[in-house]
């Protein structure tokens, strides 16, 4: 994963202004001795965000019912026994009238059946047009479905968010989604896709989110943006699974007694590992965090009395502490 333009060297991939995905990383530090870099803070490197076409399927419903069969024809009057024509004519008239009445009733009944069938089709179609699909989700439900799930070490853009999501019990899970929102259109980015004001991010994720805390798992934020504003924002925390490229690397900020190496992130390493190069002997923390020059930080580092010391940099580029260490 690449280093963002606002906290370090330019991303490896060319940028497309206005659209993309931000994966926050910290920038390099001025080494005092052998200097490991810090893991993700805030800001980001951009990837081109994919776009999907619009348009959907029309609603599915039942076709209106079609009548089956035809009208019942009345029987013809009898043509024999002419000697009884008077009585037969009267009887035939009654029979014909009865038959016509029967046909009319049958037709009315058939029309009612047809209307019912047609009405049923219209009702079903109307219900399908107005009733949400069973698997459709609202933005709030979609957000809720992502919180508590996990992402691999390297995330990808999936629509207006990040993916693919994996169960946190999966071996590939690296980042857990602690908070997430699609309601972030008011957070602006500049022409390089960098958030112009991080205050809304801290308001959602928490003060100091993305700053390494001694002995605790890494935190960071990621976001997808387009047209000058965010599409989605994620507050992520490492679940503790190791670096996919190096099983001895654990995403935990080293504390006193822990060991680490000279990689470009603050991975904790078991001190018995062949990769372990340094052990933390002491730390000097600044509260409140001052605006400190390199000369000031160097002066503080000399107070360690150890083989090496390192500045710890927060998401705003300020030195919030000094890590004092010796060779293993």
Protein backbone atom coordinates (compact mmCIF):
# COMPACT_ATOMS: atom_id res chain seq x y z
CA UNK A 1 0.00 0.00 0.00
CA UNK A 2 1.29 3.46 -0.84
CA UNK A 3 2.25 6.47 1.22
CA UNK A 4 -0.15 9.45 0.99
CA UNK A 5 0.87 12.73 -0.56
CA UNK A 6 0.09 14.75 2.56
CA UNK A 7 2.19 12.81 5.07
CA UNK A 8 5.02 11.42 3.00
CA UNK A 9 6.36 10.77 -0.50
CA UNK A 10 3.95 10.85 -3.45
CA UNK A 11 1.93 7.69 -4.12
CA UNK A 12 3.47 5.15 -6.45
CA UNK A 13 0.46 5.25 -8.76
CA UNK A 14 -0.53 8.35 -10.76
CA UNK A 15 -3.47 10.21 -9.28
CA UNK A 16 -6.75 11.11 -10.93
CA UNK A 17 -7.95 14.37 -9.34
CA UNK A 18 -11.50 14.32 -8.06
CA UNK A 19 -12.08 10.60 -7.66
CA UNK A 20 -10.44 7.90 -5.63
CA UNK A 21 -9.82 5.98 -2.46
CA UNK A 22 -7.72 7.18 0.44
CA UNK A 23 -5.75 4.79 2.62
CA UNK A 24 -4.01 6.82 5.34
CA UNK A 25 -0.34 6.40 6.14
CA UNK A 26 2.15 8.42 8.11
CA UNK A 27 5.17 10.00 6.60
CA UNK A 28 8.83 9.39 7.24
CA UNK A 29 10.63 10.55 10.32
CA UNK A 30 14.03 12.08 10.72
CA UNK A 31 16.15 9.16 11.98
CA UNK A 32 18.27 9.34 15.10
CA UNK A 33 20.22 6.13 14.67
CA UNK A 34 18.29 3.43 12.87
CA UNK A 35 14.81 4.78 12.27
CA UNK A 36 11.66 2.71 11.73
CA UNK A 37 8.74 4.50 10.15
CA UNK A 38 5.28 4.61 11.66
CA UNK A 39 2.18 2.75 10.51
CA UNK A 40 -1.00 4.36 9.13
CA UNK A 41 -2.30 7.59 10.66
CA UNK A 42 -4.58 9.66 8.47
CA UNK A 43 -4.66 11.25 5.05
CA UNK A 44 -4.10 8.91 2.17
CA UNK A 45 -2.96 7.55 -1.13
CA UNK A 46 -5.52 7.46 -3.87
CA UNK A 47 -6.75 4.74 -6.15
CA UNK A 48 -9.15 5.31 -9.02
CA UNK A 49 -12.68 4.65 -7.83
CA UNK A 50 -14.76 2.46 -10.14
CA UNK A 51 -18.16 3.54 -11.35
CA UNK A 52 -21.14 1.38 -12.13
CA UNK A 53 -23.85 2.08 -14.67
CA UNK A 54 -27.29 3.09 -13.61
CA UNK A 55 -30.65 1.69 -14.54
CA UNK A 56 -32.54 -1.19 -13.03
CA UNK A 57 -35.09 -3.79 -13.93
CA UNK A 58 -38.73 -2.74 -14.13
CA UNK A 59 -40.99 -4.13 -11.44
CA UNK A 60 -42.12 -7.68 -11.90
CA UNK A 61 -45.82 -8.49 -11.51
CA UNK A 62 -48.56 -10.72 -12.83
CA UNK A 63 -50.03 -10.20 -16.26
CA UNK A 64 -53.77 -9.34 -16.23
CA UNK A 65 -55.92 -12.42 -16.39
CA UNK A 66 -57.42 -13.40 -19.77
CA UNK A 67 -60.91 -14.91 -20.08
CA UNK A 68 -61.10 -18.52 -21.13
CA UNK A 69 -63.88 -19.96 -23.41
CA UNK A 70 -66.75 -18.00 -25.00
CA UNK A 71 -70.36 -17.05 -24.34
CA UNK A 72 -72.96 -19.80 -23.90
CA UNK A 73 -75.27 -19.82 -26.96
CA UNK A 74 -79.04 -20.11 -26.32
CA UNK A 75 -80.71 -23.30 -27.57
CA UNK A 76 -82.73 -23.07 -30.78
CA UNK A 77 -86.53 -23.29 -30.41
CA UNK A 78 -88.05 -26.65 -31.32
CA UNK A 79 -89.10 -27.02 -35.01
CA UNK A 80 -91.28 -30.10 -34.83
CA UNK A 81 -94.82 -30.88 -33.61
CA UNK A 82 -96.37 -27.97 -35.56
CA UNK A 83 -99.88 -28.88 -34.33
CA UNK A 84 -98.97 -27.68 -30.89
CA UNK A 85 -97.38 -24.48 -32.18
CA UNK A 86 -99.31 -22.10 -29.88
CA UNK A 87 -98.28 -23.79 -26.66
CA UNK A 88 -94.86 -24.55 -28.04
CA UNK A 89 -94.30 -20.93 -29.04
CA UNK A 90 -95.17 -19.79 -25.54
CA UNK A 91 -93.00 -22.50 -24.03
CA UNK A 92 -90.20 -21.76 -26.48
CA UNK A 93 -90.42 -18.07 -25.61
CA UNK A 94 -90.05 -18.90 -21.93
CA UNK A 95 -87.19 -21.24 -22.71
CA UNK A 96 -85.46 -18.64 -24.88
CA UNK A 97 -85.91 -15.94 -22.24
CA UNK A 98 -84.59 -18.32 -19.63
CA UNK A 99 -81.65 -19.17 -21.84
CA UNK A 100 -80.93 -15.51 -22.50
CA UNK A 101 -81.12 -14.80 -18.77
CA UNK A 102 -78.79 -17.72 -18.13
CA UNK A 103 -76.34 -16.48 -20.75
CA UNK A 104 -76.48 -12.95 -19.29
CA UNK A 105 -75.83 -14.24 -15.79
CA UNK A 106 -72.98 -16.42 -17.04
CA UNK A 107 -71.44 -13.49 -18.88
CA UNK A 108 -71.77 -11.25 -15.81
CA UNK A 109 -70.20 -13.93 -13.65
CA UNK A 110 -67.42 -14.35 -16.18
CA UNK A 111 -66.82 -10.58 -16.28
CA UNK A 112 -66.56 -10.52 -12.48
CA UNK A 113 -64.05 -13.37 -12.60
CA UNK A 114 -62.09 -11.54 -15.28
CA UNK A 115 -62.20 -8.31 -13.27
CA UNK A 116 -61.01 -10.21 -10.22
CA UNK A 117 -58.18 -11.77 -12.21
CA UNK A 118 -57.27 -8.43 -13.71
CA UNK A 119 -57.54 -6.66 -10.37
CA UNK A 120 -55.39 -9.35 -8.76
CA UNK A 121 -52.73 -8.82 -11.40
CA UNK A 122 -52.86 -5.06 -10.93
CA UNK A 123 -52.71 -5.40 -7.14
CA UNK A 124 -49.76 -7.75 -7.36
CA UNK A 125 -47.97 -5.50 -9.81
CA UNK A 126 -48.69 -2.49 -7.60
CA UNK A 127 -47.38 -4.32 -4.56
CA UNK A 128 -44.23 -5.30 -6.42
CA UNK A 129 -43.78 -1.71 -7.58
CA UNK A 130 -44.26 -0.16 -4.14
CA UNK A 131 -42.91 -2.83 -1.80
CA UNK A 132 -39.09 -2.86 -1.30
CA UNK A 133 -37.33 -6.05 -2.27
CA UNK A 134 -36.63 -8.39 0.60
CA UNK A 135 -32.86 -7.97 0.26
CA UNK A 136 -32.89 -4.20 -0.32
CA UNK A 137 -31.17 -2.14 2.39
CA UNK A 138 -31.30 1.48 3.44
CA UNK A 139 -28.03 3.46 3.81
CA UNK A 140 -28.33 3.15 7.60
CA UNK A 141 -28.84 -0.62 7.37
CA UNK A 142 -25.93 -0.91 4.95
CA UNK A 143 -23.70 1.00 7.36
CA UNK A 144 -24.84 -1.14 10.30
CA UNK A 145 -24.10 -4.28 8.30
CA UNK A 146 -20.48 -3.20 7.79
CA UNK A 147 -19.62 -2.15 11.34
CA UNK A 148 -18.10 -5.11 13.17
CA UNK A 149 -16.95 -6.79 9.98
CA UNK A 150 -13.38 -6.82 8.77
CA UNK A 151 -11.20 -5.95 5.80
CA UNK A 152 -7.96 -7.53 4.61
CA UNK A 153 -4.62 -5.75 4.97
CA UNK A 154 -5.03 -4.07 1.59
CA UNK A 155 -8.55 -2.81 0.88
CA UNK A 156 -10.14 -2.22 -2.50
CA UNK A 157 -12.85 0.14 -3.68
CA UNK A 158 -16.22 -1.60 -3.95
CA UNK A 159 -18.83 0.78 -5.36
CA UNK A 160 -18.91 3.78 -3.03
CA UNK A 161 -17.30 1.87 -0.15
CA UNK A 162 -14.50 -0.56 0.64
CA UNK A 163 -14.36 -4.31 0.16
CA UNK A 164 -14.34 -7.17 0.09
CA UNK A 165 -15.65 -7.58 3.63
CA UNK A 166 -14.48 -10.71 5.44
CA UNK A 167 -15.50 -12.25 8.78
CA UNK A 168 -13.20 -11.09 11.57
CA UNK A 169 -12.53 -14.75 12.37
CA UNK A 170 -11.00 -15.20 8.91
CA UNK A 171 -7.22 -15.53 8.70
CA UNK A 172 -7.10 -12.73 6.11
CA UNK A 173 -8.90 -10.25 8.39
CA UNK A 174 -6.63 -7.37 9.37
CA UNK A 175 -8.76 -4.26 9.96
CA UNK A 176 -12.03 -4.24 11.90
CA UNK A 177 -14.59 -1.59 10.96
CA UNK A 178 -15.29 0.17 14.25
CA UNK A 179 -17.43 2.94 12.72
CA UNK A 180 -18.57 3.79 9.21
CA UNK A 181 -20.75 6.35 7.45
CA UNK A 182 -22.04 7.21 4.00
CA UNK A 183 -23.43 10.49 5.34
CA UNK A 184 -20.17 12.36 4.77
CA UNK A 185 -20.87 14.54 1.74
CA UNK A 186 -20.06 17.62 3.85
CA UNK A 187 -16.42 16.51 4.24
CA UNK A 188 -14.43 18.09 1.41
CA UNK A 189 -11.23 16.93 -0.28
CA UNK A 190 -8.79 18.97 -2.32
CA UNK A 191 -7.63 18.33 -5.88
CA UNK A 192 -5.36 15.51 -4.70
CA UNK A 193 -8.10 13.79 -2.72
CA UNK A 194 -6.81 14.91 0.68
CA UNK A 195 -9.34 15.87 3.38
CA UNK A 196 -9.19 19.61 3.92
CA UNK A 197 -10.42 19.45 7.53
CA UNK A 198 -9.85 16.34 9.67
CA UNK A 199 -12.05 17.57 12.56
CA UNK A 200 -15.16 15.70 11.28
CA UNK A 201 -13.10 12.52 11.06
CA UNK A 202 -11.94 12.81 14.67
CA UNK A 203 -15.52 13.64 15.67
CA UNK A 204 -16.66 10.32 14.20
CA UNK A 205 -13.67 8.08 14.98
CA UNK A 206 -12.52 9.65 18.24
CA UNK A 207 -9.85 12.11 19.35
CA UNK A 208 -6.39 10.91 18.44
CA UNK A 209 -7.67 8.17 16.15
CA UNK A 210 -4.81 7.08 13.90
CA UNK A 211 -2.12 7.98 16.46
CA UNK A 212 -0.20 4.98 17.78
CA UNK A 213 -0.80 4.23 21.45
CA UNK A 214 1.93 2.31 23.26
CA UNK A 215 1.06 -1.37 23.60
CA UNK A 216 -2.20 -1.06 21.63
CA UNK A 217 -3.33 -2.12 18.15
CA UNK A 218 -2.99 0.26 15.25
CA UNK A 219 -5.87 2.51 14.25
CA UNK A 220 -6.44 4.45 11.05
CA UNK A 221 -9.19 5.86 8.83
CA UNK A 222 -9.91 5.17 5.18
CA UNK A 223 -12.33 6.90 2.84
CA UNK A 224 -13.66 6.85 -0.70
CA UNK A 225 -14.26 10.19 -2.41
CA UNK A 226 -15.65 11.64 -5.64
CA UNK A 227 -16.42 15.09 -7.02
CA UNK A 228 -14.65 16.92 -4.22
CA UNK A 229 -16.37 15.26 -1.25
CA UNK A 230 -16.33 11.94 0.57
CA UNK A 231 -18.60 9.07 -0.42
CA UNK A 232 -17.83 6.94 2.62
CA UNK A 233 -15.63 7.06 5.71
CA UNK A 234 -14.25 4.16 7.76
CA UNK A 235 -12.69 4.09 11.24
CA UNK A 236 -10.51 0.98 11.36
CA UNK A 237 -8.56 -0.86 14.06
CA UNK A 238 -6.18 -3.76 13.60
CA UNK A 239 -7.57 -7.05 14.92
CA UNK A 240 -4.09 -8.33 15.82
CA UNK A 241 -3.48 -10.73 12.95
CA UNK A 242 0.12 -10.60 11.69
CA UNK A 243 1.53 -8.93 8.62
CA UNK A 244 0.56 -11.10 5.62
CA UNK A 245 4.10 -10.70 4.28
CA UNK A 246 5.86 -11.46 7.60
CA UNK A 247 4.16 -13.57 10.30
CA UNK A 248 6.50 -12.24 13.03
CA UNK A 249 5.14 -8.71 12.56
CA UNK A 250 2.20 -7.85 14.83
CA UNK A 251 0.28 -4.55 14.33
CA UNK A 252 0.79 -3.32 17.90
CA UNK A 253 2.77 -0.22 18.85
CA UNK A 254 5.85 -1.42 20.82
CA UNK A 255 5.87 -0.50 24.52
CA UNK A 256 8.52 -0.86 27.20
CA UNK A 257 9.90 -4.41 27.08
CA UNK A 258 8.71 -5.04 23.50
CA UNK A 259 10.94 -5.52 20.49
CA UNK A 260 10.80 -4.32 16.89
CA UNK A 261 12.90 -4.22 13.73
CA UNK A 262 13.89 -1.67 11.10
CA UNK A 263 10.84 -2.10 8.87
CA UNK A 264 8.83 0.90 7.70
CA UNK A 265 6.02 0.44 10.28
CA UNK A 266 5.80 0.11 14.05
CA UNK A 267 5.38 -3.67 14.19
CA UNK A 268 5.88 -5.43 17.52
CA UNK A 269 8.07 -8.53 17.31
CA UNK A 270 8.72 -11.29 19.81
CA UNK A 271 12.14 -10.57 21.28
CA UNK A 272 13.19 -14.18 20.63
CA UNK A 273 12.61 -13.73 16.88
CA UNK A 274 15.58 -13.49 14.55
CA UNK A 275 13.98 -10.30 13.18
CA UNK A 276 14.13 -8.44 16.50
CA UNK A 277 16.74 -5.67 16.41
CA UNK A 278 15.71 -3.23 19.14
CA UNK A 279 13.99 -3.36 22.51
CA UNK A 280 12.07 -0.49 24.09
CA UNK A 281 13.70 0.63 27.33
CA UNK A 282 11.76 3.80 28.10
CA UNK A 283 9.40 6.37 26.59
CA UNK A 284 9.05 10.14 27.02
CA UNK A 285 5.49 11.33 26.40
CA UNK A 286 4.35 14.93 25.86
CA UNK A 287 0.97 16.07 27.18
CA UNK A 288 -0.16 18.40 25.81
CA UNK A 289 1.55 17.75 22.49
CA UNK A 290 3.80 20.74 21.66
CA UNK A 291 4.85 22.15 18.33
CA UNK A 292 8.40 20.84 18.37
CA UNK A 293 11.27 21.44 15.94
CA UNK A 294 13.73 18.71 15.00
CA UNK A 295 16.29 20.37 17.24
CA UNK A 296 13.87 20.30 20.18
CA UNK A 297 13.11 16.63 19.56
CA UNK A 298 16.80 15.82 19.38
CA UNK A 299 17.38 17.59 22.68
CA UNK A 300 14.59 15.51 24.26
CA UNK A 301 16.07 12.34 22.78
CA UNK A 302 19.37 12.86 24.52
CA UNK A 303 17.50 12.43 27.81
CA UNK A 304 16.89 8.76 26.98
CA UNK A 305 20.44 7.64 27.82
CA UNK A 306 19.99 4.64 25.47
CA UNK A 307 21.63 3.42 22.27
CA UNK A 308 18.85 4.84 20.11
CA UNK A 309 15.77 7.02 20.26
CA UNK A 310 12.89 7.71 17.86
CA UNK A 311 10.29 10.41 17.53
CA UNK A 312 6.66 9.27 17.65
CA UNK A 313 4.59 11.38 15.26
CA UNK A 314 0.80 11.85 15.47
CA UNK A 315 -1.68 12.30 12.64
CA UNK A 316 -1.09 16.05 12.53
CA UNK A 317 2.66 15.62 12.08
CA UNK A 318 3.53 16.58 15.67
CA UNK A 319 5.98 14.77 17.94
CA UNK A 320 3.90 13.38 20.79
CA UNK A 321 6.63 11.27 22.37
CA UNK A 322 10.15 9.84 22.24
CA UNK A 323 10.80 6.09 22.21
CA UNK A 324 14.09 5.09 23.85
CA UNK A 325 15.67 1.78 22.86
CA UNK A 326 18.73 -0.46 22.89
CA UNK A 327 20.00 -3.14 20.56
CA UNK A 328 18.64 -6.61 21.35
